[in-house]
Amino acid sequence: MFTVEHEDDMTIVVAMDESDKQEDIRVHFTAEGDVYLLQYVDEIEDQVIVITYQQWKDLMACMHATEGMFKVEVI
């Protein structure tokens, strides 16, 4: 299950773990092309990973890839 919210300068997606084994993951897609991945952790509040939109597209594409090196191009 996930939610999507559009704000002026970013889109926020929240992916919820329906098994309740892990905390929700929040993904912020900024207007500048950065992607922030956030997940709550008791000891440090939020873990944050910042990647580019291209890296995000690569991660999404790899879900269906075989072994090897690939380049994702936006058309």
Protein backbone atom coordinates (compact mmCIF):
# COMPACT_ATOMS: atom_id res chain seq x y z
CA MET A 1 0.00 0.00 0.00
CA PHE A 2 1.28 3.50 -0.75
CA THR A 3 0.20 7.12 -0.76
CA VAL A 4 1.13 9.97 -3.12
CA GLU A 5 1.01 13.68 -2.28
CA HIS A 6 1.95 16.49 -4.66
CA GLU A 7 3.35 19.70 -3.17
CA ASP A 8 4.68 22.84 -4.87
CA ASP A 9 8.30 21.70 -5.07
CA MET A 10 8.14 17.93 -4.55
CA THR A 11 6.10 14.76 -4.71
CA ILE A 12 6.01 12.59 -1.59
CA VAL A 13 5.33 8.85 -1.76
CA VAL A 14 4.90 6.75 1.38
CA ALA A 15 5.31 2.98 0.98
CA MET A 16 3.78 1.15 3.94
CA ASP A 17 4.85 -2.31 5.08
CA GLU A 18 1.53 -4.11 5.36
CA SER A 19 3.16 -6.88 7.45
CA ASP A 20 4.23 -4.31 10.08
CA LYS A 21 7.74 -5.77 10.14
CA GLN A 22 9.42 -2.54 8.94
CA GLU A 23 8.75 1.17 9.27
CA ASP A 24 7.19 3.07 6.36
CA ILE A 25 9.53 4.42 3.68
CA ARG A 26 8.99 8.01 2.55
CA VAL A 27 10.31 9.01 -0.87
CA HIS A 28 10.59 12.71 -1.71
CA PHE A 29 11.00 13.51 -5.42
CA THR A 30 12.18 17.14 -5.63
CA ALA A 31 11.74 19.61 -8.47
CA GLU A 32 15.56 19.76 -8.71
CA GLY A 33 15.75 16.07 -9.63
CA ASP A 34 16.91 14.67 -6.27
CA VAL A 35 15.25 11.72 -4.56
CA TYR A 36 15.27 11.43 -0.76
CA LEU A 37 14.59 8.04 0.82
CA LEU A 38 13.62 8.30 4.51
CA GLN A 39 12.78 5.67 7.09
CA TYR A 40 12.18 6.21 10.79
CA VAL A 41 14.68 4.55 13.14
CA ASP A 42 14.20 4.76 16.93
CA GLU A 43 17.79 5.60 17.78
CA ILE A 44 18.32 8.38 15.23
CA GLU A 45 14.81 9.55 14.25
CA ASP A 46 15.16 9.32 10.43
CA GLN A 47 17.66 7.61 8.17
CA VAL A 48 18.12 9.58 4.96
CA ILE A 49 19.63 8.53 1.63
CA VAL A 50 19.84 11.09 -1.19
CA ILE A 51 20.14 9.89 -4.78
CA THR A 52 19.54 11.38 -8.21
CA TYR A 53 16.41 10.67 -10.21
CA GLN A 54 18.56 8.69 -12.67
CA GLN A 55 19.74 6.44 -9.85
CA TRP A 56 16.11 5.95 -8.81
CA LYS A 57 15.18 4.95 -12.38
CA ASP A 58 18.11 2.51 -12.42
CA LEU A 59 16.92 0.94 -9.15
CA MET A 60 13.40 0.53 -10.53
CA ALA A 61 14.70 -0.97 -13.79
CA CYS A 62 16.95 -3.49 -12.03
CA MET A 63 13.96 -5.32 -10.56
CA HIS A 64 13.46 -7.12 -13.89
CA ALA A 65 17.06 -7.35 -15.12
CA THR A 66 19.34 -10.33 -15.51
CA GLU A 67 22.98 -10.18 -14.42
CA GLY A 68 25.11 -7.62 -16.24
CA MET A 69 25.63 -3.89 -16.68
CA PHE A 70 22.82 -1.74 -18.03
CA LYS A 71 22.08 1.89 -18.82
CA VAL A 72 18.56 3.29 -18.52
CA GLU A 73 17.77 6.05 -21.01
CA VAL A 74 14.83 8.39 -20.73
CA ILE A 75 12.98 8.89 -24.00
